[in-house]
Amino acid sequence: MSRAALLSLVQWLSPAFPTGAFAYSHGLEQVIADGAVADAPSLERWLRAVLEHGAGWQDAVLLAQALRAGADMDALDALARALQPSAERLSESCDQGVALARTVAAMTGRALPARPLPVALGEAAAPLGLPPGDVIALYLHGFAGNLVTIAIRHVPLGQTEGQGVLARLGGLIERLAEAAARAEAEEIGTAVLAADLAAMRHETMDVRIFRT
C-alpha cells in the first residue's frame, strides 16, 4: 500500500475536506427531536441499523463497484440516484459527491464528473490502488463519525460517550467493508424504514439546523 495514496484518501474523507458533510444529519436531527435517540445506547442502535441495513451497506457496495476496473460509472451513477428513498437523501448524496469530485479534480487535474458520493469517491480513489476493503472502511468510518459528532452536540452526549459509540462500531465497519468489497450490485438491499421515514419527515420540519 502506498503511504501517499493512503494519506490522499484520509484527506478526502476528513472533516476538513469541503464536501459539506457537517450540514447533513441523515435524518438524525428528526430522530433526536422525536426522542428516539436520547443517549449513547440508542444512538449506537440507530447507527448500527443504518450502517448494516441502510445507507451504510448500500453506499459500501456502490463504492466497491466503482472501485473495480472497467466499472460502468454512468450506470452506477444512475443506480445510486434511483436507490435514494427521499428528496433530501438524494440531495445529501449528490451534493457531497459534487463537492468531492470538484475539489479532487481541482487538486489533481483529473476530469471527475459530478456523481453521488460513493460513486464519486470510487471514481476518484480507483487510481490510488488501495485495497477496496480499506477504502470502504474509511468511508463508513467517516460517515459514522459525522453522525456521532452531530449527536454529541444535539442529543447532547459527552465527547467520551460519543467516541465510545464510534469505537464500538469499529468491528461492524470492518465486517461490512470486507463483505461489500466482495459483493455484487445485486446484493444491495435496505430495511431501515424508520430512518427513511424520519428523513422524509425532516423535509417539513419547522425548525431545523441540518439540510437532511
N, C-alpha and C. Protein backbone atom coordinates (compact mmCIF):
# COMPACT_ATOMS: atom_id res chain seq x y z
N MET A 1 0.85 -1.19 0.00
CA MET A 1 0.00 0.00 0.00
C MET A 1 0.89 1.25 0.00
N SER A 2 0.60 2.19 -0.88
CA SER A 2 1.34 3.44 -0.93
C SER A 2 0.89 4.35 0.21
N ARG A 3 1.85 4.82 0.99
CA ARG A 3 1.50 5.72 2.09
C ARG A 3 0.93 7.02 1.55
N ALA A 4 1.46 7.51 0.43
CA ALA A 4 0.95 8.75 -0.16
C ALA A 4 -0.50 8.57 -0.60
N ALA A 5 -0.81 7.42 -1.19
CA ALA A 5 -2.18 7.16 -1.62
C ALA A 5 -3.12 7.10 -0.42
N LEU A 6 -2.67 6.43 0.64
CA LEU A 6 -3.50 6.34 1.85
C LEU A 6 -3.74 7.71 2.45
N LEU A 7 -2.72 8.55 2.48
CA LEU A 7 -2.89 9.89 3.03
C LEU A 7 -3.83 10.73 2.17
N SER A 8 -3.80 10.53 0.85
CA SER A 8 -4.74 11.24 -0.01
C SER A 8 -6.17 10.87 0.34
N LEU A 9 -6.42 9.57 0.51
CA LEU A 9 -7.77 9.13 0.84
C LEU A 9 -8.20 9.66 2.20
N VAL A 10 -7.31 9.60 3.17
CA VAL A 10 -7.64 10.13 4.51
C VAL A 10 -7.99 11.61 4.42
N GLN A 11 -7.26 12.35 3.60
CA GLN A 11 -7.56 13.78 3.43
C GLN A 11 -8.95 13.98 2.82
N TRP A 12 -9.27 13.20 1.77
CA TRP A 12 -10.56 13.36 1.12
C TRP A 12 -11.73 13.03 2.05
N LEU A 13 -11.50 12.16 3.02
CA LEU A 13 -12.58 11.73 3.91
C LEU A 13 -12.53 12.42 5.26
N SER A 14 -11.63 13.37 5.43
CA SER A 14 -11.50 14.06 6.71
C SER A 14 -12.58 15.15 6.83
N PRO A 15 -12.93 15.54 8.06
CA PRO A 15 -13.92 16.61 8.25
C PRO A 15 -13.48 17.93 7.63
N ALA A 16 -12.16 18.11 7.41
CA ALA A 16 -11.67 19.36 6.83
C ALA A 16 -11.90 19.45 5.33
N PHE A 17 -12.17 18.31 4.67
CA PHE A 17 -12.34 18.34 3.22
C PHE A 17 -13.70 18.95 2.90
N PRO A 18 -13.77 19.86 1.92
CA PRO A 18 -15.00 20.65 1.71
C PRO A 18 -16.12 19.93 0.96
N THR A 19 -16.60 18.83 1.54
CA THR A 19 -17.79 18.18 0.97
C THR A 19 -19.07 18.69 1.61
N GLY A 20 -18.95 19.42 2.72
CA GLY A 20 -20.13 19.92 3.42
C GLY A 20 -20.84 18.87 4.25
N ALA A 21 -20.13 17.78 4.62
CA ALA A 21 -20.77 16.69 5.36
C ALA A 21 -21.40 17.17 6.66
N PHE A 22 -20.81 18.21 7.28
CA PHE A 22 -21.31 18.72 8.56
C PHE A 22 -22.75 19.23 8.46
N ALA A 23 -23.21 19.53 7.25
CA ALA A 23 -24.54 20.11 7.08
C ALA A 23 -25.64 19.06 6.96
N TYR A 24 -25.27 17.78 6.96
CA TYR A 24 -26.24 16.71 6.73
C TYR A 24 -26.31 15.77 7.93
N SER A 25 -27.53 15.52 8.43
CA SER A 25 -27.68 14.64 9.59
C SER A 25 -28.27 13.29 9.22
N HIS A 26 -28.60 13.06 7.94
CA HIS A 26 -29.11 11.76 7.50
C HIS A 26 -30.41 11.39 8.24
N GLY A 27 -31.20 12.40 8.58
CA GLY A 27 -32.44 12.18 9.32
C GLY A 27 -32.26 12.12 10.82
N LEU A 28 -31.01 12.15 11.31
CA LEU A 28 -30.77 12.04 12.75
C LEU A 28 -31.37 13.22 13.51
N GLU A 29 -31.38 14.40 12.91
CA GLU A 29 -31.98 15.56 13.59
C GLU A 29 -33.44 15.28 13.92
N GLN A 30 -34.17 14.69 12.98
CA GLN A 30 -35.57 14.36 13.23
C GLN A 30 -35.71 13.29 14.31
N VAL A 31 -34.84 12.29 14.27
CA VAL A 31 -34.89 11.20 15.24
C VAL A 31 -34.60 11.72 16.65
N ILE A 32 -33.65 12.65 16.77
CA ILE A 32 -33.35 13.26 18.07
C ILE A 32 -34.55 14.07 18.55
N ALA A 33 -35.16 14.83 17.64
CA ALA A 33 -36.33 15.63 18.02
C ALA A 33 -37.49 14.75 18.47
N ASP A 34 -37.61 13.56 17.89
CA ASP A 34 -38.67 12.63 18.27
C ASP A 34 -38.39 11.94 19.60
N GLY A 35 -37.14 12.02 20.08
CA GLY A 35 -36.76 11.35 21.31
C GLY A 35 -36.34 9.91 21.12
N ALA A 36 -36.25 9.44 19.90
CA ALA A 36 -35.87 8.05 19.65
C ALA A 36 -34.38 7.82 19.87
N VAL A 37 -33.58 8.86 19.68
CA VAL A 37 -32.16 8.82 20.04
C VAL A 37 -31.97 9.86 21.13
N ALA A 38 -31.69 9.38 22.36
CA ALA A 38 -31.61 10.28 23.51
C ALA A 38 -30.39 10.03 24.38
N ASP A 39 -29.61 9.01 24.04
CA ASP A 39 -28.42 8.69 24.83
C ASP A 39 -27.49 7.84 23.99
N ALA A 40 -26.36 7.43 24.56
CA ALA A 40 -25.38 6.67 23.81
C ALA A 40 -25.91 5.32 23.33
N PRO A 41 -26.61 4.53 24.17
CA PRO A 41 -27.11 3.24 23.68
C PRO A 41 -28.10 3.37 22.52
N SER A 42 -29.01 4.35 22.59
CA SER A 42 -29.97 4.50 21.49
C SER A 42 -29.29 5.01 20.22
N LEU A 43 -28.28 5.86 20.37
CA LEU A 43 -27.51 6.31 19.20
C LEU A 43 -26.80 5.13 18.57
N GLU A 44 -26.18 4.30 19.38
CA GLU A 44 -25.46 3.15 18.84
C GLU A 44 -26.39 2.20 18.10
N ARG A 45 -27.58 1.94 18.66
CA ARG A 45 -28.54 1.06 17.97
C ARG A 45 -28.94 1.65 16.63
N TRP A 46 -29.19 2.97 16.60
CA TRP A 46 -29.63 3.62 15.36
C TRP A 46 -28.52 3.57 14.30
N LEU A 47 -27.30 3.86 14.73
CA LEU A 47 -26.18 3.84 13.79
C LEU A 47 -25.91 2.43 13.27
N ARG A 48 -25.98 1.44 14.14
CA ARG A 48 -25.77 0.06 13.69
C ARG A 48 -26.80 -0.32 12.63
N ALA A 49 -28.05 0.06 12.84
CA ALA A 49 -29.08 -0.27 11.85
C ALA A 49 -28.83 0.42 10.52
N VAL A 50 -28.46 1.71 10.57
CA VAL A 50 -28.21 2.46 9.33
C VAL A 50 -26.98 1.91 8.60
N LEU A 51 -25.96 1.55 9.35
CA LEU A 51 -24.75 1.01 8.72
C LEU A 51 -25.00 -0.36 8.11
N GLU A 52 -25.63 -1.24 8.85
CA GLU A 52 -25.77 -2.62 8.42
C GLU A 52 -26.92 -2.84 7.46
N HIS A 53 -28.01 -2.09 7.63
CA HIS A 53 -29.21 -2.36 6.85
C HIS A 53 -29.69 -1.16 6.03
N GLY A 54 -28.97 -0.06 6.08
CA GLY A 54 -29.40 1.15 5.38
C GLY A 54 -28.36 1.69 4.43
N ALA A 55 -28.17 3.00 4.49
CA ALA A 55 -27.25 3.66 3.55
C ALA A 55 -25.82 3.20 3.70
N GLY A 56 -25.45 2.73 4.90
CA GLY A 56 -24.08 2.24 5.07
C GLY A 56 -23.76 1.11 4.12
N TRP A 57 -24.57 0.06 4.18
CA TRP A 57 -24.36 -1.09 3.29
C TRP A 57 -24.56 -0.70 1.83
N GLN A 58 -25.59 0.05 1.56
CA GLN A 58 -25.88 0.45 0.18
C GLN A 58 -24.70 1.21 -0.43
N ASP A 59 -24.21 2.21 0.28
CA ASP A 59 -23.10 3.01 -0.23
C ASP A 59 -21.81 2.19 -0.31
N ALA A 60 -21.63 1.28 0.65
CA ALA A 60 -20.42 0.45 0.64
C ALA A 60 -20.35 -0.41 -0.62
N VAL A 61 -21.47 -0.99 -1.01
CA VAL A 61 -21.49 -1.83 -2.21
C VAL A 61 -21.31 -0.96 -3.46
N LEU A 62 -21.97 0.20 -3.50
CA LEU A 62 -21.80 1.10 -4.64
C LEU A 62 -20.33 1.53 -4.77
N LEU A 63 -19.71 1.85 -3.64
CA LEU A 63 -18.30 2.24 -3.65
C LEU A 63 -17.42 1.09 -4.14
N ALA A 64 -17.71 -0.10 -3.67
CA ALA A 64 -16.93 -1.27 -4.11
C ALA A 64 -17.03 -1.47 -5.61
N GLN A 65 -18.23 -1.31 -6.14
CA GLN A 65 -18.42 -1.48 -7.58
C GLN A 65 -17.65 -0.41 -8.36
N ALA A 66 -17.66 0.82 -7.84
CA ALA A 66 -16.98 1.92 -8.54
C ALA A 66 -15.46 1.78 -8.49
N LEU A 67 -14.95 1.04 -7.51
CA LEU A 67 -13.50 0.85 -7.41
C LEU A 67 -12.99 -0.22 -8.36
N ARG A 68 -13.87 -1.02 -8.95
CA ARG A 68 -13.43 -2.13 -9.78
C ARG A 68 -13.00 -1.66 -11.17
N ALA A 69 -12.02 -2.33 -11.72
CA ALA A 69 -11.54 -1.99 -13.06
C ALA A 69 -12.66 -2.16 -14.07
N GLY A 70 -12.78 -1.20 -14.96
CA GLY A 70 -13.79 -1.27 -16.01
C GLY A 70 -15.20 -0.97 -15.54
N ALA A 71 -15.36 -0.42 -14.35
CA ALA A 71 -16.70 -0.13 -13.83
C ALA A 71 -17.44 0.84 -14.75
N ASP A 72 -18.74 0.60 -14.92
CA ASP A 72 -19.60 1.49 -15.71
C ASP A 72 -20.08 2.59 -14.77
N MET A 73 -19.37 3.68 -14.73
CA MET A 73 -19.67 4.74 -13.78
C MET A 73 -21.03 5.39 -14.05
N ASP A 74 -21.40 5.52 -15.30
CA ASP A 74 -22.70 6.12 -15.60
C ASP A 74 -23.84 5.25 -15.09
N ALA A 75 -23.71 3.94 -15.23
CA ALA A 75 -24.74 3.03 -14.73
C ALA A 75 -24.79 3.06 -13.20
N LEU A 76 -23.63 3.11 -12.56
CA LEU A 76 -23.61 3.19 -11.09
C LEU A 76 -24.17 4.52 -10.61
N ASP A 77 -23.89 5.58 -11.35
CA ASP A 77 -24.45 6.89 -11.03
C ASP A 77 -25.98 6.82 -11.05
N ALA A 78 -26.53 6.25 -12.09
CA ALA A 78 -27.99 6.14 -12.21
C ALA A 78 -28.57 5.26 -11.11
N LEU A 79 -27.90 4.16 -10.79
CA LEU A 79 -28.37 3.27 -9.74
C LEU A 79 -28.34 3.96 -8.39
N ALA A 80 -27.26 4.67 -8.10
CA ALA A 80 -27.14 5.37 -6.82
C ALA A 80 -28.25 6.40 -6.64
N ARG A 81 -28.59 7.09 -7.70
CA ARG A 81 -29.67 8.08 -7.62
C ARG A 81 -31.02 7.39 -7.42
N ALA A 82 -31.25 6.30 -8.13
CA ALA A 82 -32.53 5.61 -8.05
C ALA A 82 -32.77 4.99 -6.68
N LEU A 83 -31.71 4.65 -5.97
CA LEU A 83 -31.83 3.99 -4.67
C LEU A 83 -32.17 4.94 -3.53
N GLN A 84 -32.06 6.23 -3.75
CA GLN A 84 -32.32 7.18 -2.66
C GLN A 84 -33.81 7.21 -2.32
N PRO A 85 -34.16 7.10 -1.03
CA PRO A 85 -35.57 6.97 -0.65
C PRO A 85 -36.33 8.28 -0.52
N SER A 86 -35.65 9.42 -0.61
CA SER A 86 -36.34 10.70 -0.44
C SER A 86 -35.54 11.80 -1.13
N ALA A 87 -36.19 12.95 -1.30
CA ALA A 87 -35.54 14.08 -1.96
C ALA A 87 -34.33 14.56 -1.17
N GLU A 88 -34.45 14.61 0.16
CA GLU A 88 -33.33 15.08 0.97
C GLU A 88 -32.14 14.14 0.87
N ARG A 89 -32.41 12.84 0.90
CA ARG A 89 -31.32 11.88 0.84
C ARG A 89 -30.63 11.92 -0.53
N LEU A 90 -31.40 12.17 -1.59
CA LEU A 90 -30.80 12.33 -2.91
C LEU A 90 -29.89 13.55 -2.92
N SER A 91 -30.36 14.64 -2.34
CA SER A 91 -29.56 15.86 -2.26
C SER A 91 -28.31 15.63 -1.42
N GLU A 92 -28.45 14.90 -0.32
CA GLU A 92 -27.32 14.63 0.57
C GLU A 92 -26.20 13.91 -0.17
N SER A 93 -26.56 12.89 -0.93
CA SER A 93 -25.55 12.12 -1.64
C SER A 93 -24.97 12.88 -2.83
N CYS A 94 -25.85 13.52 -3.60
CA CYS A 94 -25.39 14.20 -4.82
C CYS A 94 -24.59 15.45 -4.50
N ASP A 95 -25.04 16.25 -3.56
CA ASP A 95 -24.33 17.50 -3.26
C ASP A 95 -22.93 17.22 -2.71
N GLN A 96 -22.82 16.21 -1.84
CA GLN A 96 -21.49 15.88 -1.32
C GLN A 96 -20.60 15.28 -2.41
N GLY A 97 -21.20 14.49 -3.29
CA GLY A 97 -20.43 13.92 -4.40
C GLY A 97 -19.92 14.99 -5.34
N VAL A 98 -20.76 15.98 -5.63
CA VAL A 98 -20.35 17.09 -6.49
C VAL A 98 -19.16 17.82 -5.86
N ALA A 99 -19.26 18.10 -4.55
CA ALA A 99 -18.20 18.84 -3.88
C ALA A 99 -16.90 18.04 -3.85
N LEU A 100 -16.99 16.74 -3.58
CA LEU A 100 -15.79 15.92 -3.54
C LEU A 100 -15.13 15.86 -4.92
N ALA A 101 -15.92 15.58 -5.96
CA ALA A 101 -15.36 15.47 -7.30
C ALA A 101 -14.74 16.79 -7.75
N ARG A 102 -15.41 17.90 -7.45
CA ARG A 102 -14.89 19.20 -7.86
C ARG A 102 -13.56 19.51 -7.19
N THR A 103 -13.44 19.21 -5.90
CA THR A 103 -12.21 19.53 -5.17
C THR A 103 -11.07 18.62 -5.57
N VAL A 104 -11.34 17.31 -5.69
CA VAL A 104 -10.29 16.38 -6.11
C VAL A 104 -9.83 16.71 -7.53
N ALA A 105 -10.77 17.06 -8.40
CA ALA A 105 -10.40 17.42 -9.77
C ALA A 105 -9.51 18.65 -9.79
N ALA A 106 -9.84 19.64 -8.96
CA ALA A 106 -9.02 20.86 -8.91
C ALA A 106 -7.63 20.58 -8.38
N MET A 107 -7.52 19.62 -7.46
CA MET A 107 -6.22 19.29 -6.86
C MET A 107 -5.36 18.43 -7.79
N THR A 108 -5.99 17.56 -8.56
CA THR A 108 -5.24 16.56 -9.33
C THR A 108 -5.20 16.84 -10.83
N GLY A 109 -6.09 17.70 -11.31
CA GLY A 109 -6.16 17.95 -12.74
C GLY A 109 -6.93 16.89 -13.50
N ARG A 110 -7.53 15.94 -12.80
CA ARG A 110 -8.32 14.90 -13.45
C ARG A 110 -9.73 15.41 -13.74
N ALA A 111 -10.34 14.86 -14.78
CA ALA A 111 -11.73 15.17 -15.09
C ALA A 111 -12.62 14.21 -14.31
N LEU A 112 -13.33 14.72 -13.31
CA LEU A 112 -14.20 13.89 -12.47
C LEU A 112 -15.61 14.46 -12.52
N PRO A 113 -16.54 13.75 -13.15
CA PRO A 113 -17.91 14.25 -13.26
C PRO A 113 -18.60 14.29 -11.90
N ALA A 114 -19.66 15.07 -11.83
CA ALA A 114 -20.49 15.13 -10.63
C ALA A 114 -21.30 13.85 -10.53
N ARG A 115 -21.16 13.14 -9.41
CA ARG A 115 -21.88 11.89 -9.19
C ARG A 115 -22.27 11.80 -7.72
N PRO A 116 -23.20 10.90 -7.35
CA PRO A 116 -23.48 10.67 -5.94
C PRO A 116 -22.21 10.27 -5.20
N LEU A 117 -22.16 10.56 -3.91
CA LEU A 117 -20.92 10.48 -3.15
C LEU A 117 -20.18 9.15 -3.25
N PRO A 118 -20.80 7.99 -3.03
CA PRO A 118 -19.99 6.75 -3.08
C PRO A 118 -19.41 6.47 -4.46
N VAL A 119 -20.14 6.84 -5.50
CA VAL A 119 -19.64 6.63 -6.86
C VAL A 119 -18.54 7.64 -7.17
N ALA A 120 -18.74 8.88 -6.75
CA ALA A 120 -17.70 9.91 -6.96
C ALA A 120 -16.41 9.53 -6.26
N LEU A 121 -16.53 9.02 -5.03
CA LEU A 121 -15.33 8.62 -4.30
C LEU A 121 -14.66 7.43 -4.97
N GLY A 122 -15.46 6.46 -5.40
CA GLY A 122 -14.87 5.30 -6.07
C GLY A 122 -14.13 5.68 -7.33
N GLU A 123 -14.71 6.58 -8.11
CA GLU A 123 -14.05 7.01 -9.35
C GLU A 123 -12.76 7.77 -9.03
N ALA A 124 -12.80 8.60 -7.98
CA ALA A 124 -11.61 9.37 -7.61
C ALA A 124 -10.53 8.47 -7.02
N ALA A 125 -10.93 7.49 -6.22
CA ALA A 125 -9.97 6.68 -5.47
C ALA A 125 -9.43 5.49 -6.23
N ALA A 126 -10.09 5.06 -7.29
CA ALA A 126 -9.65 3.86 -8.01
C ALA A 126 -8.16 3.93 -8.41
N PRO A 127 -7.67 5.05 -8.95
CA PRO A 127 -6.25 5.08 -9.34
C PRO A 127 -5.27 5.03 -8.18
N LEU A 128 -5.75 5.20 -6.94
CA LEU A 128 -4.84 5.15 -5.80
C LEU A 128 -4.32 3.73 -5.56
N GLY A 129 -5.06 2.74 -6.03
CA GLY A 129 -4.60 1.37 -5.91
C GLY A 129 -4.68 0.80 -4.50
N LEU A 130 -5.52 1.36 -3.66
CA LEU A 130 -5.66 0.89 -2.29
C LEU A 130 -6.60 -0.32 -2.23
N PRO A 131 -6.45 -1.19 -1.24
CA PRO A 131 -7.36 -2.33 -1.10
C PRO A 131 -8.80 -1.83 -0.93
N PRO A 132 -9.75 -2.35 -1.71
CA PRO A 132 -11.13 -1.87 -1.61
C PRO A 132 -11.70 -1.91 -0.20
N GLY A 133 -11.38 -2.96 0.55
CA GLY A 133 -11.88 -3.05 1.91
C GLY A 133 -11.44 -1.89 2.77
N ASP A 134 -10.21 -1.42 2.56
CA ASP A 134 -9.70 -0.30 3.34
C ASP A 134 -10.40 1.01 2.95
N VAL A 135 -10.61 1.20 1.65
CA VAL A 135 -11.31 2.40 1.18
C VAL A 135 -12.72 2.44 1.75
N ILE A 136 -13.42 1.31 1.68
CA ILE A 136 -14.79 1.24 2.17
C ILE A 136 -14.84 1.46 3.67
N ALA A 137 -13.91 0.85 4.41
CA ALA A 137 -13.91 1.01 5.86
C ALA A 137 -13.71 2.47 6.26
N LEU A 138 -12.80 3.16 5.60
CA LEU A 138 -12.57 4.58 5.92
C LEU A 138 -13.79 5.42 5.55
N TYR A 139 -14.45 5.08 4.46
CA TYR A 139 -15.66 5.81 4.07
C TYR A 139 -16.75 5.63 5.13
N LEU A 140 -17.00 4.39 5.55
CA LEU A 140 -18.03 4.12 6.55
C LEU A 140 -17.68 4.76 7.89
N HIS A 141 -16.41 4.74 8.25
CA HIS A 141 -15.98 5.36 9.50
C HIS A 141 -16.23 6.86 9.46
N GLY A 142 -15.94 7.50 8.34
CA GLY A 142 -16.19 8.93 8.21
C GLY A 142 -17.67 9.25 8.28
N PHE A 143 -18.51 8.41 7.64
CA PHE A 143 -19.96 8.58 7.68
C PHE A 143 -20.47 8.49 9.11
N ALA A 144 -20.05 7.44 9.82
CA ALA A 144 -20.49 7.26 11.20
C ALA A 144 -19.95 8.35 12.10
N GLY A 145 -18.69 8.74 11.88
CA GLY A 145 -18.08 9.78 12.71
C GLY A 145 -18.81 11.10 12.60
N ASN A 146 -19.26 11.45 11.40
CA ASN A 146 -20.00 12.70 11.22
C ASN A 146 -21.30 12.68 12.02
N LEU A 147 -22.00 11.53 12.00
CA LEU A 147 -23.26 11.42 12.72
C LEU A 147 -23.04 11.41 14.23
N VAL A 148 -21.97 10.79 14.68
CA VAL A 148 -21.64 10.83 16.11
C VAL A 148 -21.38 12.27 16.55
N THR A 149 -20.67 13.03 15.75
CA THR A 149 -20.40 14.44 16.08
C THR A 149 -21.69 15.22 16.22
N ILE A 150 -22.65 14.96 15.33
CA ILE A 150 -23.96 15.62 15.41
C ILE A 150 -24.65 15.26 16.72
N ALA A 151 -24.62 13.98 17.07
CA ALA A 151 -25.27 13.54 18.31
C ALA A 151 -24.60 14.14 19.54
N ILE A 152 -23.28 14.25 19.53
CA ILE A 152 -22.58 14.85 20.67
C ILE A 152 -23.09 16.26 20.92
N ARG A 153 -23.35 17.00 19.86
CA ARG A 153 -23.79 18.39 20.02
C ARG A 153 -25.28 18.50 20.32
N HIS A 154 -26.09 17.61 19.78
CA HIS A 154 -27.53 17.86 19.78
C HIS A 154 -28.37 16.89 20.61
N VAL A 155 -27.79 15.76 21.09
CA VAL A 155 -28.60 14.91 21.97
C VAL A 155 -28.85 15.59 23.33
N PRO A 156 -27.83 16.12 24.02
CA PRO A 156 -26.40 16.05 23.74
C PRO A 156 -25.75 14.85 24.44
N LEU A 157 -24.58 14.49 23.95
CA LEU A 157 -23.76 13.45 24.57
C LEU A 157 -22.41 14.05 24.96
N GLY A 158 -21.77 13.46 25.93
CA GLY A 158 -20.41 13.86 26.23
C GLY A 158 -19.47 13.37 25.14
N GLN A 159 -18.34 14.04 25.01
CA GLN A 159 -17.36 13.65 24.00
C GLN A 159 -16.92 12.20 24.18
N THR A 160 -16.69 11.80 25.43
CA THR A 160 -16.22 10.44 25.68
C THR A 160 -17.29 9.42 25.33
N GLU A 161 -18.55 9.72 25.67
CA GLU A 161 -19.65 8.82 25.30
C GLU A 161 -19.75 8.66 23.79
N GLY A 162 -19.67 9.78 23.09
CA GLY A 162 -19.78 9.72 21.64
C GLY A 162 -18.65 8.95 21.00
N GLN A 163 -17.45 9.19 21.47
CA GLN A 163 -16.31 8.47 20.91
C GLN A 163 -16.36 6.99 21.27
N GLY A 164 -16.93 6.67 22.41
CA GLY A 164 -17.12 5.27 22.78
C GLY A 164 -18.05 4.57 21.81
N VAL A 165 -19.13 5.25 21.41
CA VAL A 165 -20.04 4.68 20.41
C VAL A 165 -19.30 4.40 19.12
N LEU A 166 -18.53 5.37 18.65
CA LEU A 166 -17.81 5.21 17.39
C LEU A 166 -16.80 4.06 17.48
N ALA A 167 -16.13 3.95 18.61
CA ALA A 167 -15.15 2.87 18.78
C ALA A 167 -15.83 1.50 18.74
N ARG A 168 -17.01 1.40 19.36
CA ARG A 168 -17.72 0.11 19.39
C ARG A 168 -18.27 -0.27 18.02
N LEU A 169 -18.37 0.68 17.13
CA LEU A 169 -18.84 0.39 15.77
C LEU A 169 -17.72 -0.13 14.88
N GLY A 170 -16.49 -0.10 15.38
CA GLY A 170 -15.35 -0.47 14.55
C GLY A 170 -15.43 -1.88 13.99
N GLY A 171 -15.80 -2.84 14.82
CA GLY A 171 -15.89 -4.22 14.35
C GLY A 171 -16.93 -4.38 13.25
N LEU A 172 -18.09 -3.73 13.42
CA LEU A 172 -19.14 -3.79 12.40
C LEU A 172 -18.65 -3.16 11.10
N ILE A 173 -17.98 -2.03 11.19
CA ILE A 173 -17.47 -1.36 9.99
C ILE A 173 -16.48 -2.25 9.26
N GLU A 174 -15.61 -2.92 9.98
CA GLU A 174 -14.67 -3.84 9.34
C GLU A 174 -15.39 -4.96 8.62
N ARG A 175 -16.37 -5.55 9.26
CA ARG A 175 -17.10 -6.67 8.63
C ARG A 175 -17.86 -6.22 7.40
N LEU A 176 -18.51 -5.07 7.50
CA LEU A 176 -19.27 -4.56 6.35
C LEU A 176 -18.34 -4.23 5.19
N ALA A 177 -17.18 -3.65 5.49
CA ALA A 177 -16.24 -3.29 4.43
C ALA A 177 -15.76 -4.52 3.69
N GLU A 178 -15.41 -5.57 4.41
CA GLU A 178 -14.94 -6.79 3.76
C GLU A 178 -16.04 -7.45 2.95
N ALA A 179 -17.26 -7.49 3.49
CA ALA A 179 -18.38 -8.10 2.77
C ALA A 179 -18.72 -7.30 1.52
N ALA A 180 -18.73 -5.97 1.64
CA ALA A 180 -19.08 -5.13 0.49
C ALA A 180 -18.04 -5.23 -0.61
N ALA A 181 -16.77 -5.38 -0.23
CA ALA A 181 -15.71 -5.49 -1.23
C ALA A 181 -15.89 -6.71 -2.12
N ARG A 182 -16.54 -7.75 -1.60
CA ARG A 182 -16.77 -8.98 -2.37
C ARG A 182 -18.15 -9.02 -3.02
N ALA A 183 -19.03 -8.10 -2.65
CA ALA A 183 -20.43 -8.16 -3.07
C ALA A 183 -20.62 -7.68 -4.50
N GLU A 184 -21.73 -8.10 -5.08
CA GLU A 184 -22.17 -7.60 -6.38
C GLU A 184 -23.29 -6.59 -6.19
N ALA A 185 -23.56 -5.80 -7.22
CA ALA A 185 -24.58 -4.76 -7.11
C ALA A 185 -25.95 -5.33 -6.75
N GLU A 186 -26.20 -6.56 -7.18
CA GLU A 186 -27.50 -7.19 -6.91
C GLU A 186 -27.71 -7.46 -5.43
N GLU A 187 -26.65 -7.39 -4.64
CA GLU A 187 -26.75 -7.65 -3.20
C GLU A 187 -27.10 -6.41 -2.39
N ILE A 188 -27.30 -5.28 -3.07
CA ILE A 188 -27.74 -4.08 -2.36
C ILE A 188 -29.18 -4.29 -1.91
N GLY A 189 -29.43 -3.99 -0.65
CA GLY A 189 -30.79 -4.05 -0.12
C GLY A 189 -30.83 -3.30 1.19
N THR A 190 -31.91 -2.59 1.46
CA THR A 190 -32.02 -1.83 2.70
C THR A 190 -33.32 -2.17 3.39
N ALA A 191 -33.32 -2.00 4.73
CA ALA A 191 -34.51 -2.29 5.53
C ALA A 191 -34.47 -1.44 6.79
N VAL A 192 -34.46 -0.13 6.61
CA VAL A 192 -34.46 0.80 7.75
C VAL A 192 -35.60 1.80 7.55
N LEU A 193 -36.81 1.31 7.59
CA LEU A 193 -37.97 2.15 7.27
C LEU A 193 -38.10 3.32 8.23
N ALA A 194 -37.82 3.12 9.51
CA ALA A 194 -37.95 4.22 10.47
C ALA A 194 -36.99 5.35 10.14
N ALA A 195 -35.75 5.00 9.78
CA ALA A 195 -34.77 6.03 9.42
C ALA A 195 -35.16 6.72 8.13
N ASP A 196 -35.65 5.96 7.16
CA ASP A 196 -36.07 6.56 5.90
C ASP A 196 -37.27 7.49 6.10
N LEU A 197 -38.22 7.07 6.91
CA LEU A 197 -39.38 7.91 7.18
C LEU A 197 -38.98 9.17 7.95
N ALA A 198 -38.02 9.04 8.85
CA ALA A 198 -37.53 10.22 9.57
C ALA A 198 -36.91 11.22 8.60
N ALA A 199 -36.16 10.71 7.61
CA ALA A 199 -35.56 11.59 6.61
C ALA A 199 -36.64 12.30 5.79
N MET A 200 -37.71 11.58 5.48
CA MET A 200 -38.82 12.21 4.73
C MET A 200 -39.51 13.28 5.58
N ARG A 201 -39.76 12.97 6.86
CA ARG A 201 -40.44 13.92 7.73
C ARG A 201 -39.58 15.15 7.99
N HIS A 202 -38.27 14.99 7.94
CA HIS A 202 -37.37 16.11 8.16
C HIS A 202 -37.56 17.18 7.10
N GLU A 203 -38.03 16.80 5.93
CA GLU A 203 -38.21 17.77 4.84
C GLU A 203 -39.21 18.86 5.22
N THR A 204 -40.14 18.56 6.13
CA THR A 204 -41.14 19.55 6.54
C THR A 204 -40.99 19.94 8.00
N MET A 205 -39.84 19.66 8.59
CA MET A 205 -39.58 20.05 9.98
C MET A 205 -39.58 21.57 10.09
N ASP A 206 -40.32 22.12 11.06
CA ASP A 206 -40.50 23.57 11.15
C ASP A 206 -39.18 24.30 11.42
N VAL A 207 -38.45 23.85 12.43
CA VAL A 207 -37.17 24.48 12.77
C VAL A 207 -36.10 23.42 12.68
N ARG A 208 -35.12 23.64 11.83
CA ARG A 208 -34.07 22.64 11.65
C ARG A 208 -32.73 23.32 11.43
N ILE A 209 -31.70 22.59 11.80
CA ILE A 209 -30.33 23.08 11.66
C ILE A 209 -29.67 22.47 10.43
N PHE A 210 -29.96 21.18 10.17
CA PHE A 210 -29.29 20.44 9.12
C PHE A 210 -30.13 20.37 7.86
N ARG A 211 -29.48 20.18 6.74
CA ARG A 211 -30.17 20.12 5.46
C ARG A 211 -30.93 18.81 5.29
N THR A 212 -30.52 17.76 6.01
CA THR A 212 -31.23 16.47 5.96
C THR A 212 -31.31 15.90 7.37
